[in-house]
C-alpha atoms as a PDB file:
ATOM      1  CA  UNK A   1     -46.599 -35.682  15.231  1.00  0.00           C
ATOM      2  CA  UNK A   2     -43.215 -35.120  17.296  1.00  0.00           C
ATOM      3  CA  UNK A   3     -42.681 -38.880  17.292  1.00  0.00           C
ATOM      4  CA  UNK A   4     -43.813 -40.249  13.812  1.00  0.00           C
ATOM      5  CA  UNK A   5     -41.509 -37.436  12.319  1.00  0.00           C
ATOM      6  CA  UNK A   6     -38.527 -38.287  14.580  1.00  0.00           C
ATOM      7  CA  UNK A   7     -38.948 -42.341  13.398  1.00  0.00           C
ATOM      8  CA  UNK A   8     -39.616 -41.096   9.284  1.00  0.00           C
ATOM      9  CA  UNK A   9     -36.219 -38.660   9.706  1.00  0.00           C
ATOM     10  CA  UNK A  10     -34.142 -41.719  12.056  1.00  0.00           C
ATOM     11  CA  UNK A  11     -34.945 -44.065   9.207  1.00  0.00           C
ATOM     12  CA  UNK A  12     -34.497 -42.363   6.269  1.00  0.00           C
ATOM     13  CA  UNK A  13     -30.709 -42.017   7.717  1.00  0.00           C
ATOM     14  CA  UNK A  14     -30.593 -38.373   9.953  1.00  0.00           C
ATOM     15  CA  UNK A  15     -28.481 -39.053  12.765  1.00  0.00           C
ATOM     16  CA  UNK A  16     -31.047 -39.222  16.102  1.00  0.00           C
ATOM     17  CA  UNK A  17     -29.683 -36.451  17.624  1.00  0.00           C
ATOM     18  CA  UNK A  18     -29.972 -34.478  14.583  1.00  0.00           C
ATOM     19  CA  UNK A  19     -33.250 -35.283  13.979  1.00  0.00           C
ATOM     20  CA  UNK A  20     -35.055 -34.726  17.720  1.00  0.00           C
ATOM     21  CA  UNK A  21     -32.736 -31.430  18.041  1.00  0.00           C
ATOM     22  CA  UNK A  22     -33.939 -30.254  14.672  1.00  0.00           C
ATOM     23  CA  UNK A  23     -37.671 -31.121  15.464  1.00  0.00           C
ATOM     24  CA  UNK A  24     -37.354 -29.383  19.177  1.00  0.00           C
ATOM     25  CA  UNK A  25     -35.216 -26.211  17.277  1.00  0.00           C
ATOM     26  CA  UNK A  26     -38.580 -26.058  14.997  1.00  0.00           C
ATOM     27  CA  UNK A  27     -41.290 -26.815  17.388  1.00  0.00           C
ATOM     28  CA  UNK A  28     -39.689 -23.781  19.444  1.00  0.00           C
ATOM     29  CA  UNK A  29     -39.324 -21.474  16.959  1.00  0.00           C
ATOM     30  CA  UNK A  30     -43.495 -21.695  15.297  1.00  0.00           C
ATOM     31  CA  UNK A  31     -44.947 -22.031  19.475  1.00  0.00           C
ATOM     32  CA  UNK A  32     -45.067 -18.092  19.800  1.00  0.00           C
ATOM     33  CA  UNK A  33     -46.497 -17.097  16.440  1.00  0.00           C
ATOM     34  CA  UNK A  34     -50.155 -17.251  17.157  1.00  0.00           C
ATOM     35  CA  UNK A  35     -52.624 -18.550  20.115  1.00  0.00           C
ATOM     36  CA  UNK A  36     -52.888 -21.360  18.483  1.00  0.00           C
ATOM     37  CA  UNK A  37     -49.664 -22.520  17.086  1.00  0.00           C
ATOM     38  CA  UNK A  38     -48.553 -24.881  19.722  1.00  0.00           C
ATOM     39  CA  UNK A  39     -50.408 -27.526  22.009  1.00  0.00           C
ATOM     40  CA  UNK A  40     -50.449 -25.549  25.037  1.00  0.00           C
ATOM     41  CA  UNK A  41     -50.865 -22.096  23.417  1.00  0.00           C
ATOM     42  CA  UNK A  42     -54.648 -22.309  23.395  1.00  0.00           C
ATOM     43  CA  UNK A  43     -54.482 -23.002  27.287  1.00  0.00           C
ATOM     44  CA  UNK A  44     -52.514 -19.831  28.119  1.00  0.00           C
ATOM     45  CA  UNK A  45     -54.890 -17.970  25.644  1.00  0.00           C
ATOM     46  CA  UNK A  46     -58.037 -19.589  26.568  1.00  0.00           C
ATOM     47  CA  UNK A  47     -57.554 -18.886  30.743  1.00  0.00           C
ATOM     48  CA  UNK A  48     -57.367 -15.290  30.072  1.00  0.00           C
ATOM     49  CA  UNK A  49     -53.649 -14.850  30.576  1.00  0.00           C
ATOM     50  CA  UNK A  50     -52.729 -13.426  27.655  1.00  0.00           C
ATOM     51  CA  UNK A  51     -55.032 -11.182  25.451  1.00  0.00           C
ATOM     52  CA  UNK A  52     -54.903 -11.702  21.379  1.00  0.00           C
ATOM     53  CA  UNK A  53     -53.441  -8.247  21.045  1.00  0.00           C
ATOM     54  CA  UNK A  54     -50.264  -9.586  23.427  1.00  0.00           C
ATOM     55  CA  UNK A  55     -50.181 -12.577  21.812  1.00  0.00           C
ATOM     56  CA  UNK A  56     -49.877 -11.401  18.199  1.00  0.00           C
ATOM     57  CA  UNK A  57     -47.487  -8.379  19.461  1.00  0.00           C
ATOM     58  CA  UNK A  58     -45.015 -10.937  21.109  1.00  0.00           C
ATOM     59  CA  UNK A  59     -44.897 -13.485  18.565  1.00  0.00           C
ATOM     60  CA  UNK A  60     -44.176 -10.405  16.084  1.00  0.00           C
ATOM     61  CA  UNK A  61     -41.141  -9.209  17.791  1.00  0.00           C
ATOM     62  CA  UNK A  62     -39.953 -13.299  18.524  1.00  0.00           C
ATOM     63  CA  UNK A  63     -40.358 -13.363  14.762  1.00  0.00           C
ATOM     64  CA  UNK A  64     -38.124 -10.739  13.920  1.00  0.00           C
ATOM     65  CA  UNK A  65     -35.878 -11.746  16.905  1.00  0.00           C
ATOM     66  CA  UNK A  66     -35.665 -15.077  15.013  1.00  0.00           C
ATOM     67  CA  UNK A  67     -34.998 -13.860  11.443  1.00  0.00           C
ATOM     68  CA  UNK A  68     -32.085 -11.834  12.754  1.00  0.00           C
ATOM     69  CA  UNK A  69     -30.820 -14.649  14.623  1.00  0.00           C
ATOM     70  CA  UNK A  70     -31.318 -17.170  12.092  1.00  0.00           C
ATOM     71  CA  UNK A  71     -30.024 -14.526   9.442  1.00  0.00           C
ATOM     72  CA  UNK A  72     -27.282 -12.812  10.846  1.00  0.00           C
ATOM     73  CA  UNK A  73     -25.295 -15.779  12.874  1.00  0.00           C
ATOM     74  CA  UNK A  74     -26.594 -18.100  10.883  1.00  0.00           C
ATOM     75  CA  UNK A  75     -25.012 -16.389   7.945  1.00  0.00           C
ATOM     76  CA  UNK A  76     -22.091 -15.964   9.628  1.00  0.00           C
ATOM     77  CA  UNK A  77     -21.904 -19.581  10.655  1.00  0.00           C
ATOM     78  CA  UNK A  78     -22.251 -20.622   7.230  1.00  0.00           C
ATOM     79  CA  UNK A  79     -19.266 -18.660   5.739  1.00  0.00           C
ATOM     80  CA  UNK A  80     -17.066 -19.518   8.580  1.00  0.00           C
ATOM     81  CA  UNK A  81     -17.860 -23.100   7.954  1.00  0.00           C
END
């Protein structure tokens, strides 16, 4: 669904580079949350490389990390603007 969303964003006036980077960031942020959050995640989980407990634990760590980065760094960035 990456391409249809990128095309839709570009056709509604979003600059192409902003549209592509925005979708890339969003798809990478949610990819670690659950074993089925992204297309490649079921392969790693189903292959036994990562247990369910490890996956959800790392997903929680990444969630907290992303919240801190986007909240603290992003908040400071918006204040600087």
